[in-house]
Amino acid sequence: MQLRRTTRKSLTRLDRKSRDADLRVRCRLLLKVHAGRSPHRAAREIGCHPATAYRVVARFIE
């Protein structure tokens, strides 16, 4: 998955400043998948279910 630089910066900023834990997990998943990890591995590193990672990535791509 490729992200534009502005999108990547926005996700990083949201991850740092958001108080919503679910939003932070979604941002981290997208950034890790962008970095080359599989959704399954990114989910394992973050501590969420792999189905959550696949769902987040699929919705973001839409």
PDB file of N, CA and C in Angstrom:
ATOM      1  N   MET A   1       0.849  -1.168   0.000  1.00  0.00           N
ATOM      2  CA  MET A   1       0.000   0.000   0.000  1.00  0.00           C
ATOM      3  C   MET A   1       0.897   1.235   0.000  1.00  0.00           C
ATOM      4  N   GLN A   2       0.609   2.163  -0.870  1.00  0.00           N
ATOM      5  CA  GLN A   2       1.378   3.401  -0.947  1.00  0.00           C
ATOM      6  C   GLN A   2       0.541   4.564  -0.405  1.00  0.00           C
ATOM      7  N   LEU A   3       1.185   5.425   0.338  1.00  0.00           N
ATOM      8  CA  LEU A   3       0.533   6.619   0.869  1.00  0.00           C
ATOM      9  C   LEU A   3       1.275   7.844   0.374  1.00  0.00           C
ATOM     10  N   ARG A   4       0.522   8.888   0.106  1.00  0.00           N
ATOM     11  CA  ARG A   4       1.169  10.161  -0.213  1.00  0.00           C
ATOM     12  C   ARG A   4       1.832  10.699   1.044  1.00  0.00           C
ATOM     13  N   ARG A   5       2.802  11.550   0.819  1.00  0.00           N
ATOM     14  CA  ARG A   5       3.532  12.114   1.963  1.00  0.00           C
ATOM     15  C   ARG A   5       2.592  12.897   2.890  1.00  0.00           C
ATOM     16  N   THR A   6       1.679  13.658   2.323  1.00  0.00           N
ATOM     17  CA  THR A   6       0.756  14.441   3.159  1.00  0.00           C
ATOM     18  C   THR A   6      -0.167  13.526   3.957  1.00  0.00           C
ATOM     19  N   THR A   7      -0.602  12.433   3.348  1.00  0.00           N
ATOM     20  CA  THR A   7      -1.460  11.484   4.057  1.00  0.00           C
ATOM     21  C   THR A   7      -0.692  10.831   5.196  1.00  0.00           C
ATOM     22  N   ARG A   8       0.546  10.447   4.926  1.00  0.00           N
ATOM     23  CA  ARG A   8       1.380   9.824   5.951  1.00  0.00           C
ATOM     24  C   ARG A   8       1.608  10.783   7.118  1.00  0.00           C
ATOM     25  N   LYS A   9       1.870  12.040   6.810  1.00  0.00           N
ATOM     26  CA  LYS A   9       2.073  13.027   7.872  1.00  0.00           C
ATOM     27  C   LYS A   9       0.792  13.235   8.683  1.00  0.00           C
ATOM     28  N   SER A  10      -0.336  13.262   7.993  1.00  0.00           N
ATOM     29  CA  SER A  10      -1.616  13.430   8.688  1.00  0.00           C
ATOM     30  C   SER A  10      -1.893  12.259   9.627  1.00  0.00           C
ATOM     31  N   LEU A  11      -1.611  11.045   9.161  1.00  0.00           N
ATOM     32  CA  LEU A  11      -1.815   9.867  10.009  1.00  0.00           C
ATOM     33  C   LEU A  11      -0.880   9.892  11.216  1.00  0.00           C
ATOM     34  N   THR A  12       0.351  10.304  11.007  1.00  0.00           N
ATOM     35  CA  THR A  12       1.307  10.389  12.104  1.00  0.00           C
ATOM     36  C   THR A  12       0.855  11.426  13.124  1.00  0.00           C
ATOM     37  N   ARG A  13       0.388  12.553  12.638  1.00  0.00           N
ATOM     38  CA  ARG A  13      -0.083  13.609  13.533  1.00  0.00           C
ATOM     39  C   ARG A  13      -1.308  13.141  14.323  1.00  0.00           C
ATOM     40  N   LEU A  14      -2.240  12.473  13.644  1.00  0.00           N
ATOM     41  CA  LEU A  14      -3.425  11.952  14.326  1.00  0.00           C
ATOM     42  C   LEU A  14      -3.035  10.930  15.388  1.00  0.00           C
ATOM     43  N   ASP A  15      -2.071  10.087  15.060  1.00  0.00           N
ATOM     44  CA  ASP A  15      -1.625   9.068  16.004  1.00  0.00           C
ATOM     45  C   ASP A  15      -1.067   9.700  17.273  1.00  0.00           C
ATOM     46  N   ARG A  16      -0.332  10.778  17.125  1.00  0.00           N
ATOM     47  CA  ARG A  16       0.272  11.431  18.292  1.00  0.00           C
ATOM     48  C   ARG A  16      -0.728  12.243  19.097  1.00  0.00           C
ATOM     49  N   LYS A  17      -1.648  12.917  18.422  1.00  0.00           N
ATOM     50  CA  LYS A  17      -2.485  13.903  19.122  1.00  0.00           C
ATOM     51  C   LYS A  17      -3.860  13.395  19.533  1.00  0.00           C
ATOM     52  N   SER A  18      -4.312  12.304  18.952  1.00  0.00           N
ATOM     53  CA  SER A  18      -5.658  11.823  19.248  1.00  0.00           C
ATOM     54  C   SER A  18      -5.731  11.186  20.632  1.00  0.00           C
ATOM     55  N   ARG A  19      -6.843  11.390  21.285  1.00  0.00           N
ATOM     56  CA  ARG A  19      -7.075  10.750  22.577  1.00  0.00           C
ATOM     57  C   ARG A  19      -7.906   9.484  22.403  1.00  0.00           C
ATOM     58  N   ASP A  20      -8.427   9.271  21.190  1.00  0.00           N
ATOM     59  CA  ASP A  20      -9.246   8.106  20.881  1.00  0.00           C
ATOM     60  C   ASP A  20      -8.331   6.917  20.564  1.00  0.00           C
ATOM     61  N   ALA A  21      -8.357   5.900  21.415  1.00  0.00           N
ATOM     62  CA  ALA A  21      -7.462   4.752  21.249  1.00  0.00           C
ATOM     63  C   ALA A  21      -7.733   3.999  19.951  1.00  0.00           C
ATOM     64  N   ASP A  22      -8.992   3.869  19.566  1.00  0.00           N
ATOM     65  CA  ASP A  22      -9.324   3.157  18.324  1.00  0.00           C
ATOM     66  C   ASP A  22      -8.753   3.877  17.105  1.00  0.00           C
ATOM     67  N   LEU A  23      -8.841   5.179  17.101  1.00  0.00           N
ATOM     68  CA  LEU A  23      -8.293   5.965  15.998  1.00  0.00           C
ATOM     69  C   LEU A  23      -6.774   5.806  15.931  1.00  0.00           C
ATOM     70  N   ARG A  24      -6.142   5.787  17.076  1.00  0.00           N
ATOM     71  CA  ARG A  24      -4.685   5.611  17.106  1.00  0.00           C
ATOM     72  C   ARG A  24      -4.277   4.244  16.577  1.00  0.00           C
ATOM     73  N   VAL A  25      -5.044   3.216  16.913  1.00  0.00           N
ATOM     74  CA  VAL A  25      -4.758   1.869  16.401  1.00  0.00           C
ATOM     75  C   VAL A  25      -4.897   1.848  14.885  1.00  0.00           C
ATOM     76  N   ARG A  26      -5.940   2.471  14.361  1.00  0.00           N
ATOM     77  CA  ARG A  26      -6.141   2.506  12.906  1.00  0.00           C
ATOM     78  C   ARG A  26      -4.993   3.227  12.215  1.00  0.00           C
ATOM     79  N   CYS A  27      -4.574   4.350  12.767  1.00  0.00           N
ATOM     80  CA  CYS A  27      -3.451   5.089  12.177  1.00  0.00           C
ATOM     81  C   CYS A  27      -2.179   4.252  12.187  1.00  0.00           C
ATOM     82  N   ARG A  28      -1.910   3.613  13.297  1.00  0.00           N
ATOM     83  CA  ARG A  28      -0.691   2.802  13.398  1.00  0.00           C
ATOM     84  C   ARG A  28      -0.723   1.621  12.442  1.00  0.00           C
ATOM     85  N   LEU A  29      -1.889   1.009  12.287  1.00  0.00           N
ATOM     86  CA  LEU A  29      -2.005  -0.099  11.335  1.00  0.00           C
ATOM     87  C   LEU A  29      -1.685   0.365   9.920  1.00  0.00           C
ATOM     88  N   LEU A  30      -2.269   1.469   9.524  1.00  0.00           N
ATOM     89  CA  LEU A  30      -2.035   1.966   8.170  1.00  0.00           C
ATOM     90  C   LEU A  30      -0.578   2.340   7.953  1.00  0.00           C
ATOM     91  N   LEU A  31       0.047   2.945   8.933  1.00  0.00           N
ATOM     92  CA  LEU A  31       1.452   3.322   8.799  1.00  0.00           C
ATOM     93  C   LEU A  31       2.365   2.093   8.725  1.00  0.00           C
ATOM     94  N   LYS A  32       2.053   1.067   9.494  1.00  0.00           N
ATOM     95  CA  LYS A  32       2.868  -0.146   9.458  1.00  0.00           C
ATOM     96  C   LYS A  32       2.696  -0.895   8.141  1.00  0.00           C
ATOM     97  N   VAL A  33       1.479  -0.948   7.627  1.00  0.00           N
ATOM     98  CA  VAL A  33       1.256  -1.607   6.338  1.00  0.00           C
ATOM     99  C   VAL A  33       1.949  -0.815   5.233  1.00  0.00           C
ATOM    100  N   HIS A  34       1.912   0.489   5.326  1.00  0.00           N
ATOM    101  CA  HIS A  34       2.633   1.325   4.359  1.00  0.00           C
ATOM    102  C   HIS A  34       4.136   1.050   4.412  1.00  0.00           C
ATOM    103  N   ALA A  35       4.652   0.767   5.594  1.00  0.00           N
ATOM    104  CA  ALA A  35       6.083   0.513   5.767  1.00  0.00           C
ATOM    105  C   ALA A  35       6.504  -0.859   5.237  1.00  0.00           C
ATOM    106  N   GLY A  36       5.530  -1.675   4.797  1.00  0.00           N
ATOM    107  CA  GLY A  36       5.878  -2.950   4.182  1.00  0.00           C
ATOM    108  C   GLY A  36       5.462  -4.181   4.959  1.00  0.00           C
ATOM    109  N   ARG A  37       4.888  -3.999   6.106  1.00  0.00           N
ATOM    110  CA  ARG A  37       4.437  -5.163   6.876  1.00  0.00           C
ATOM    111  C   ARG A  37       3.095  -5.645   6.339  1.00  0.00           C
ATOM    112  N   SER A  38       2.819  -6.911   6.538  1.00  0.00           N
ATOM    113  CA  SER A  38       1.505  -7.430   6.156  1.00  0.00           C
ATOM    114  C   SER A  38       0.494  -6.973   7.206  1.00  0.00           C
ATOM    115  N   PRO A  39      -0.781  -6.906   6.853  1.00  0.00           N
ATOM    116  CA  PRO A  39      -1.780  -6.529   7.857  1.00  0.00           C
ATOM    117  C   PRO A  39      -1.769  -7.472   9.064  1.00  0.00           C
ATOM    118  N   HIS A  40      -1.532  -8.754   8.811  1.00  0.00           N
ATOM    119  CA  HIS A  40      -1.505  -9.720   9.908  1.00  0.00           C
ATOM    120  C   HIS A  40      -0.356  -9.419  10.877  1.00  0.00           C
ATOM    121  N   ARG A  41       0.813  -9.166  10.336  1.00  0.00           N
ATOM    122  CA  ARG A  41       1.972  -8.868  11.183  1.00  0.00           C
ATOM    123  C   ARG A  41       1.798  -7.533  11.904  1.00  0.00           C
ATOM    124  N   ALA A  42       1.264  -6.534  11.209  1.00  0.00           N
ATOM    125  CA  ALA A  42       1.036  -5.235  11.845  1.00  0.00           C
ATOM    126  C   ALA A  42       0.069  -5.372  13.016  1.00  0.00           C
ATOM    127  N   ALA A  43      -0.978  -6.170  12.828  1.00  0.00           N
ATOM    128  CA  ALA A  43      -1.945  -6.387  13.909  1.00  0.00           C
ATOM    129  C   ALA A  43      -1.281  -7.057  15.104  1.00  0.00           C
ATOM    130  N   ARG A  44      -0.435  -8.036  14.828  1.00  0.00           N
ATOM    131  CA  ARG A  44       0.253  -8.739  15.908  1.00  0.00           C
ATOM    132  C   ARG A  44       1.168  -7.781  16.670  1.00  0.00           C
ATOM    133  N   GLU A  45       1.853  -6.887  15.960  1.00  0.00           N
ATOM    134  CA  GLU A  45       2.759  -5.935  16.613  1.00  0.00           C
ATOM    135  C   GLU A  45       2.003  -4.913  17.458  1.00  0.00           C
ATOM    136  N   ILE A  46       0.828  -4.514  16.981  1.00  0.00           N
ATOM    137  CA  ILE A  46       0.053  -3.495  17.696  1.00  0.00           C
ATOM    138  C   ILE A  46      -0.764  -4.116  18.825  1.00  0.00           C
ATOM    139  N   GLY A  47      -1.203  -5.351  18.621  1.00  0.00           N
ATOM    140  CA  GLY A  47      -1.981  -6.018  19.662  1.00  0.00           C
ATOM    141  C   GLY A  47      -3.469  -6.033  19.389  1.00  0.00           C
ATOM    142  N   CYS A  48      -3.841  -6.022  18.120  1.00  0.00           N
ATOM    143  CA  CYS A  48      -5.252  -6.121  17.778  1.00  0.00           C
ATOM    144  C   CYS A  48      -5.461  -7.380  16.937  1.00  0.00           C
ATOM    145  N   HIS A  49      -6.702  -7.700  16.666  1.00  0.00           N
ATOM    146  CA  HIS A  49      -7.036  -8.888  15.892  1.00  0.00           C
ATOM    147  C   HIS A  49      -6.692  -8.663  14.418  1.00  0.00           C
ATOM    148  N   PRO A  50      -6.176  -9.686  13.740  1.00  0.00           N
ATOM    149  CA  PRO A  50      -5.837  -9.527  12.320  1.00  0.00           C
ATOM    150  C   PRO A  50      -7.020  -9.108  11.450  1.00  0.00           C
ATOM    151  N   ALA A  51      -8.220  -9.552  11.789  1.00  0.00           N
ATOM    152  CA  ALA A  51      -9.395  -9.153  11.003  1.00  0.00           C
ATOM    153  C   ALA A  51      -9.598  -7.641  11.067  1.00  0.00           C
ATOM    154  N   THR A  52      -9.265  -7.051  12.198  1.00  0.00           N
ATOM    155  CA  THR A  52      -9.370  -5.600  12.337  1.00  0.00           C
ATOM    156  C   THR A  52      -8.408  -4.919  11.370  1.00  0.00           C
ATOM    157  N   ALA A  53      -7.202  -5.438  11.286  1.00  0.00           N
ATOM    158  CA  ALA A  53      -6.198  -4.846  10.398  1.00  0.00           C
ATOM    159  C   ALA A  53      -6.635  -4.933   8.943  1.00  0.00           C
ATOM    160  N   TYR A  54      -7.111  -6.096   8.515  1.00  0.00           N
ATOM    161  CA  TYR A  54      -7.558  -6.252   7.131  1.00  0.00           C
ATOM    162  C   TYR A  54      -8.743  -5.340   6.828  1.00  0.00           C
ATOM    163  N   ARG A  55      -9.658  -5.201   7.785  1.00  0.00           N
ATOM    164  CA  ARG A  55     -10.826  -4.342   7.595  1.00  0.00           C
ATOM    165  C   ARG A  55     -10.425  -2.878   7.479  1.00  0.00           C
ATOM    166  N   VAL A  56      -9.509  -2.430   8.341  1.00  0.00           N
ATOM    167  CA  VAL A  56      -9.058  -1.038   8.316  1.00  0.00           C
ATOM    168  C   VAL A  56      -8.373  -0.726   7.001  1.00  0.00           C
ATOM    169  N   VAL A  57      -7.502  -1.611   6.542  1.00  0.00           N
ATOM    170  CA  VAL A  57      -6.780  -1.380   5.293  1.00  0.00           C
ATOM    171  C   VAL A  57      -7.753  -1.374   4.111  1.00  0.00           C
ATOM    172  N   ALA A  58      -8.700  -2.315   4.099  1.00  0.00           N
ATOM    173  CA  ALA A  58      -9.661  -2.374   3.001  1.00  0.00           C
ATOM    174  C   ALA A  58     -10.522  -1.120   2.949  1.00  0.00           C
ATOM    175  N   ARG A  59     -10.955  -0.634   4.090  1.00  0.00           N
ATOM    176  CA  ARG A  59     -11.774   0.576   4.114  1.00  0.00           C
ATOM    177  C   ARG A  59     -10.985   1.805   3.703  1.00  0.00           C
ATOM    178  N   PHE A  60      -9.724   1.847   4.064  1.00  0.00           N
ATOM    179  CA  PHE A  60      -8.903   2.994   3.705  1.00  0.00           C
ATOM    180  C   PHE A  60      -8.668   3.035   2.198  1.00  0.00           C
ATOM    181  N   ILE A  61      -8.478   1.881   1.594  1.00  0.00           N
ATOM    182  CA  ILE A  61      -8.216   1.809   0.153  1.00  0.00           C
ATOM    183  C   ILE A  61      -9.426   2.234  -0.665  1.00  0.00           C
ATOM    184  N   GLU A  62     -10.628   1.982  -0.145  1.00  0.00           N
ATOM    185  CA  GLU A  62     -11.867   2.331  -0.881  1.00  0.00           C
ATOM    186  C   GLU A  62     -11.914   3.745  -1.261  1.00  0.00           C
TER     187      GLU A  62
END
